[in-house]
Amino acid sequence: RTFVFLHELEYLAKNNLIKGGDLDNAIVIIDRKVSQEELDHLAEVLNKPRIKVQHEGILNNIELRYPNEPARHKLLDMIGDLALVGRWFKAKIIATRPGHHANKEFARILRQLMKKSALQKQVPLYNPNIEPVYDINEIKRRLPHRPPFLLIDKVIHLDQKSVVCIKNVTMNEPFFLGHFPNEPIMPGVLQIEAAAQAGGMLVLGTVPDPENYATYFLKIDKVKFKNKVVPGDTLILKMDLLEPIRHGVALMFAEVFVGNKLVMEGELMAQIVKVK
């Protein structure tokens, strides 16, 4: 059963906001001192012969099934709303004044965190002695980028949901001339671009004729830079699809590693478009 506070009841009734609710199926909680005159007025508004306050702090229209029935109602609301997460989880949840809006927002955030956690597996293994899935020549056949803006050197893993690429960072990179002369650091925006090119290899791998398609990035979100990238580093670029590609739009989660260190992560959205 639903429940409502006394101070809300008259407003809801006058504005026709009680749809299907009635004093016979709702618990009215008295949250302040109220005179009998006010109760008589409320009885008239609600078309009831007489209303009085029970000692439990509720109107006399109904009996509580349990002493903590409103709390049980809120608990069931939360269980139902958190089912929107879409998977089982074990947790201790402390809720203060919960409601449907807050519950659903919490479920949305929890779902995102669980998706992200599921993707954060161990660092991809890179063995330079193993033949790559695609070398630089095959990458150039699939991507339109060319040096000095081609920022992946090889693909070491590719399936329908993920890709792992390698970028060897050397002092010969032209951006080190100005970023920075006395402390060469790979710009964060170029780390994102390298991840985007890896994502391009992933989404182009879903079509039979990738040479006839182009990939355009639509959004970059929740990017975090964890560590510096310097000459001599080898970037391991891992891209995972967060959801199936729909209408040519792909949402991916990027992780960039140097050794066992995470140096960059974020969400990238791209669209694959046929150009030929």
Protein backbone atom coordinates (compact mmCIF):
# COMPACT_ATOMS: atom_id res chain seq x y z
CA ARG A 1 0.00 0.00 0.00
CA THR A 2 1.09 3.54 -0.64
CA PHE A 3 1.48 6.12 2.10
CA VAL A 4 1.39 9.89 2.25
CA PHE A 5 1.98 12.64 4.81
CA LEU A 6 -0.98 14.62 6.08
CA HIS A 7 0.41 17.97 4.91
CA GLU A 8 0.46 16.63 1.32
CA LEU A 9 -3.02 15.14 1.30
CA GLU A 10 -5.25 18.19 0.80
CA TYR A 11 -3.05 19.59 -1.98
CA LEU A 12 -3.06 16.24 -3.81
CA ALA A 13 -6.82 15.88 -3.49
CA LYS A 14 -7.62 19.43 -4.63
CA ASN A 15 -5.33 19.14 -7.66
CA ASN A 16 -6.69 15.74 -8.69
CA LEU A 17 -3.26 14.15 -8.24
CA ILE A 18 -4.49 11.09 -6.35
CA LYS A 19 -5.11 8.60 -9.13
CA GLY A 20 -6.76 5.49 -7.73
CA GLY A 21 -5.63 6.34 -4.21
CA ASP A 22 -8.16 6.60 -1.40
CA LEU A 23 -8.20 6.65 2.38
CA ASP A 24 -9.31 3.03 2.18
CA ASN A 25 -6.09 1.86 0.48
CA ALA A 26 -3.48 4.39 1.61
CA ILE A 27 -1.73 5.08 4.91
CA VAL A 28 -1.87 8.74 5.97
CA ILE A 29 0.94 9.64 8.37
CA ILE A 30 0.45 12.55 10.77
CA ASP A 31 3.70 14.54 10.70
CA ARG A 32 2.59 17.54 12.79
CA LYS A 33 0.05 18.60 15.38
CA VAL A 34 -3.40 19.00 13.89
CA SER A 35 -6.68 20.26 15.33
CA GLN A 36 -10.02 18.46 15.09
CA GLU A 37 -11.32 21.42 13.09
CA GLU A 38 -8.63 20.82 10.46
CA LEU A 39 -9.43 17.11 10.42
CA ASP A 40 -13.13 17.89 9.90
CA HIS A 41 -12.21 20.15 6.96
CA LEU A 42 -10.07 17.39 5.48
CA ALA A 43 -12.92 14.89 5.88
CA GLU A 44 -15.14 17.25 3.89
CA VAL A 45 -12.52 17.60 1.13
CA LEU A 46 -12.12 13.82 0.92
CA ASN A 47 -15.85 13.14 1.23
CA LYS A 48 -15.49 11.14 4.44
CA PRO A 49 -17.91 11.27 7.43
CA ARG A 50 -15.22 11.74 10.07
CA ILE A 51 -11.44 11.55 10.44
CA LYS A 52 -9.42 11.24 13.62
CA VAL A 53 -5.81 10.48 14.55
CA GLN A 54 -4.88 7.06 15.89
CA HIS A 55 -2.30 6.76 18.64
CA GLU A 56 0.23 5.31 16.16
CA GLY A 57 0.36 8.67 14.34
CA ILE A 58 -1.83 7.67 11.40
CA LEU A 59 -5.40 8.47 10.45
CA ASN A 60 -8.10 6.10 11.60
CA ASN A 61 -8.92 5.06 8.04
CA ILE A 62 -6.77 1.93 8.07
CA GLU A 63 -4.78 -0.40 10.32
CA LEU A 64 -1.06 -0.98 9.85
CA ARG A 65 -0.19 -4.53 8.82
CA TYR A 66 3.21 -4.15 10.45
CA PRO A 67 4.55 -1.50 12.85
CA ASN A 68 7.15 -0.54 10.21
CA GLU A 69 4.95 -0.93 7.13
CA PRO A 70 6.10 2.35 5.48
CA ALA A 71 9.74 1.28 5.86
CA ARG A 72 8.91 -2.08 4.28
CA HIS A 73 7.20 -0.26 1.42
CA LYS A 74 10.33 1.84 0.81
CA LEU A 75 12.50 -1.28 0.97
CA LEU A 76 10.42 -3.04 -1.68
CA ASP A 77 10.51 0.10 -3.84
CA MET A 78 14.31 0.08 -3.67
CA ILE A 79 14.56 -3.63 -4.49
CA GLY A 80 12.33 -3.12 -7.52
CA ASP A 81 14.19 -0.03 -8.74
CA LEU A 82 17.62 -1.65 -8.30
CA ALA A 83 16.45 -4.53 -10.49
CA LEU A 84 17.05 -2.05 -13.33
CA VAL A 85 20.76 -2.76 -12.89
CA GLY A 86 20.06 -5.95 -14.82
CA ARG A 87 22.31 -8.33 -12.90
CA TRP A 88 22.69 -9.91 -9.48
CA PHE A 89 24.92 -8.22 -6.93
CA LYS A 90 25.63 -8.56 -3.22
CA ALA A 91 25.91 -5.33 -1.25
CA LYS A 92 25.02 -3.48 1.92
CA ILE A 93 23.00 -0.39 0.98
CA ILE A 94 22.26 2.43 3.42
CA ALA A 95 19.46 4.67 2.12
CA THR A 96 18.33 7.96 3.65
CA ARG A 97 14.91 9.16 2.51
CA PRO A 98 14.95 7.04 -0.66
CA GLY A 99 12.53 7.59 -3.53
CA HIS A 100 12.00 6.25 -7.04
CA HIS A 101 14.01 9.03 -8.72
CA ALA A 102 17.02 8.63 -6.40
CA ASN A 103 16.80 4.83 -6.58
CA LYS A 104 16.82 4.79 -10.38
CA GLU A 105 19.69 7.26 -10.57
CA PHE A 106 21.65 5.08 -8.13
CA ALA A 107 20.86 2.02 -10.27
CA ARG A 108 22.11 3.84 -13.38
CA ILE A 109 25.42 4.78 -11.72
CA LEU A 110 25.82 1.28 -10.29
CA ARG A 111 25.20 -0.26 -13.72
CA GLN A 112 27.91 1.96 -15.25
CA LEU A 113 30.40 1.04 -12.51
CA MET A 114 29.67 -2.67 -12.93
CA LYS A 115 30.14 -2.42 -16.70
CA LYS A 116 33.44 -0.62 -16.22
CA SER A 117 34.60 -3.10 -13.57
CA ALA A 118 33.77 -6.04 -15.85
CA LEU A 119 36.02 -4.56 -18.52
CA GLN A 120 38.94 -3.80 -16.22
CA LYS A 121 40.64 -7.15 -16.45
CA GLN A 122 44.36 -7.75 -16.31
CA VAL A 123 46.70 -5.83 -18.59
CA PRO A 124 46.78 -7.40 -22.08
CA LEU A 125 49.88 -9.52 -22.61
CA TYR A 126 52.23 -8.24 -25.30
CA ASN A 127 54.86 -10.56 -26.71
CA PRO A 128 56.76 -8.88 -29.59
CA ASN A 129 57.91 -12.30 -30.80
CA ILE A 130 54.34 -13.31 -31.73
CA GLU A 131 53.11 -12.42 -35.21
CA PRO A 132 50.58 -9.55 -35.02
CA VAL A 133 47.01 -9.79 -36.29
CA TYR A 134 47.71 -6.77 -38.53
CA ASP A 135 51.06 -5.11 -39.24
CA ILE A 136 51.53 -1.47 -40.20
CA ASN A 137 50.90 -2.16 -43.90
CA GLU A 138 47.52 -3.77 -43.22
CA ILE A 139 46.64 -0.93 -40.82
CA LYS A 140 47.35 1.59 -43.60
CA ARG A 141 44.99 -0.32 -45.88
CA ARG A 142 42.20 0.06 -43.32
CA LEU A 143 42.80 3.50 -41.79
CA PRO A 144 43.16 6.75 -43.78
CA HIS A 145 45.75 8.17 -41.33
CA ARG A 146 49.36 8.57 -42.41
CA PRO A 147 52.59 9.52 -40.60
CA PRO A 148 53.17 11.55 -38.57
CA PHE A 149 49.52 11.15 -37.52
CA LEU A 150 49.25 7.37 -37.77
CA LEU A 151 49.54 6.50 -34.08
CA ILE A 152 49.25 2.70 -33.97
CA ASP A 153 51.99 0.34 -35.18
CA LYS A 154 50.28 -3.05 -35.03
CA VAL A 155 47.19 -4.93 -33.88
CA ILE A 156 47.89 -7.88 -31.57
CA HIS A 157 44.29 -8.88 -30.78
CA LEU A 158 40.95 -8.37 -32.53
CA ASP A 159 37.53 -9.91 -32.07
CA GLN A 160 33.93 -8.69 -32.36
CA LYS A 161 34.01 -6.87 -29.00
CA SER A 162 37.60 -5.76 -28.36
CA VAL A 163 40.92 -4.82 -29.90
CA VAL A 164 44.47 -4.42 -28.58
CA CYS A 165 46.97 -2.29 -30.49
CA ILE A 166 50.58 -1.26 -29.94
CA LYS A 167 52.19 2.16 -30.30
CA ASN A 168 55.95 2.49 -29.82
CA VAL A 169 56.76 6.00 -28.62
CA THR A 170 60.20 7.28 -29.69
CA MET A 171 62.08 10.54 -29.36
CA ASN A 172 61.65 10.97 -33.14
CA GLU A 173 57.95 11.86 -32.69
CA PRO A 174 57.55 15.41 -34.06
CA PHE A 175 55.37 16.58 -31.16
CA PHE A 176 58.28 16.19 -28.73
CA LEU A 177 59.95 19.22 -30.35
CA GLY A 178 57.52 21.49 -28.54
CA HIS A 179 55.94 19.27 -25.86
CA PHE A 180 58.24 19.86 -24.06
CA PRO A 181 61.82 20.64 -25.17
CA ASN A 182 63.30 19.95 -21.74
CA GLU A 183 60.80 17.31 -20.61
CA PRO A 184 59.34 15.33 -23.53
CA ILE A 185 55.82 14.10 -22.70
CA MET A 186 53.29 12.65 -25.15
CA PRO A 187 50.27 15.01 -25.18
CA GLY A 188 47.12 13.54 -23.66
CA VAL A 189 45.10 14.49 -26.73
CA LEU A 190 47.37 12.28 -28.86
CA GLN A 191 46.91 9.40 -26.44
CA ILE A 192 43.18 9.80 -27.04
CA GLU A 193 43.80 9.93 -30.80
CA ALA A 194 45.85 6.72 -30.65
CA ALA A 195 43.01 5.04 -28.73
CA ALA A 196 40.53 6.40 -31.29
CA GLN A 197 42.54 4.86 -34.14
CA ALA A 198 42.55 1.55 -32.26
CA GLY A 199 38.77 1.91 -31.92
CA GLY A 200 38.60 2.52 -35.66
CA MET A 201 40.28 -0.83 -36.23
CA LEU A 202 37.70 -2.45 -33.95
CA VAL A 203 34.59 -1.03 -35.62
CA LEU A 204 35.99 -1.44 -39.15
CA GLY A 205 36.52 -5.09 -38.30
CA THR A 206 32.73 -5.51 -38.14
CA VAL A 207 32.20 -4.85 -41.88
CA PRO A 208 33.31 -7.08 -44.78
CA ASP A 209 34.81 -4.21 -46.82
CA PRO A 210 36.48 -1.81 -44.35
CA GLU A 211 38.28 0.05 -47.14
CA ASN A 212 34.89 1.48 -48.16
CA TYR A 213 34.11 2.91 -44.71
CA ALA A 214 35.33 5.77 -42.53
CA THR A 215 35.09 6.19 -38.77
CA TYR A 216 34.16 9.56 -37.26
CA PHE A 217 34.30 10.16 -33.52
CA LEU A 218 31.21 11.74 -31.97
CA LYS A 219 32.02 12.06 -28.29
CA ILE A 220 34.85 11.68 -25.78
CA ASP A 221 33.78 11.36 -22.15
CA LYS A 222 35.10 10.56 -18.67
CA VAL A 223 38.75 10.67 -19.77
CA LYS A 224 41.39 10.41 -17.05
CA PHE A 225 45.16 10.57 -17.40
CA LYS A 226 46.94 8.49 -14.77
CA ASN A 227 50.65 8.62 -15.68
CA LYS A 228 53.02 10.37 -18.08
CA VAL A 229 53.98 8.85 -21.44
CA VAL A 230 57.60 9.53 -22.42
CA PRO A 231 60.02 8.49 -25.19
CA GLY A 232 60.85 4.79 -24.98
CA ASP A 233 57.39 3.78 -23.72
CA THR A 234 55.31 1.17 -25.51
CA LEU A 235 51.59 1.92 -25.39
CA ILE A 236 49.20 -1.01 -25.14
CA LEU A 237 45.87 0.35 -26.37
CA LYS A 238 42.82 -1.70 -25.37
CA MET A 239 39.33 -0.86 -26.65
CA ASP A 240 36.14 -2.68 -25.60
CA LEU A 241 32.62 -2.24 -26.91
CA LEU A 242 30.34 -1.17 -24.05
CA GLU A 243 27.21 -2.15 -25.98
CA PRO A 244 26.35 -3.60 -29.40
CA ILE A 245 26.86 -1.31 -32.41
CA ARG A 246 23.50 0.20 -33.41
CA HIS A 247 22.87 2.27 -36.54
CA GLY A 248 26.61 2.42 -37.09
CA VAL A 249 27.27 4.03 -33.69
CA ALA A 250 29.76 2.37 -31.33
CA LEU A 251 30.35 3.22 -27.65
CA MET A 252 33.75 2.00 -26.47
CA PHE A 253 35.80 2.03 -23.29
CA ALA A 254 39.50 2.81 -23.75
CA GLU A 255 42.37 1.73 -21.53
CA VAL A 256 45.97 2.62 -22.37
CA PHE A 257 48.81 0.89 -20.53
CA VAL A 258 52.57 1.23 -20.32
CA GLY A 259 53.81 -2.02 -18.86
CA ASN A 260 51.46 -2.75 -15.95
CA LYS A 261 50.58 0.93 -15.41
CA LEU A 262 47.30 2.41 -16.59
CA VAL A 263 48.14 5.77 -18.19
CA MET A 264 44.78 6.78 -19.69
CA GLU A 265 41.16 5.66 -19.70
CA GLY A 266 37.86 7.01 -21.00
CA GLU A 267 34.75 6.45 -23.10
CA LEU A 268 34.75 7.13 -26.84
CA MET A 269 31.77 7.14 -29.18
CA ALA A 270 32.23 6.75 -32.94
CA GLN A 271 30.12 6.35 -36.05
CA ILE A 272 31.08 4.17 -38.98
CA VAL A 273 29.98 5.59 -42.34
CA LYS A 274 30.17 4.12 -45.84
CA VAL A 275 32.09 6.53 -48.08
CA LYS A 276 32.51 4.52 -51.30
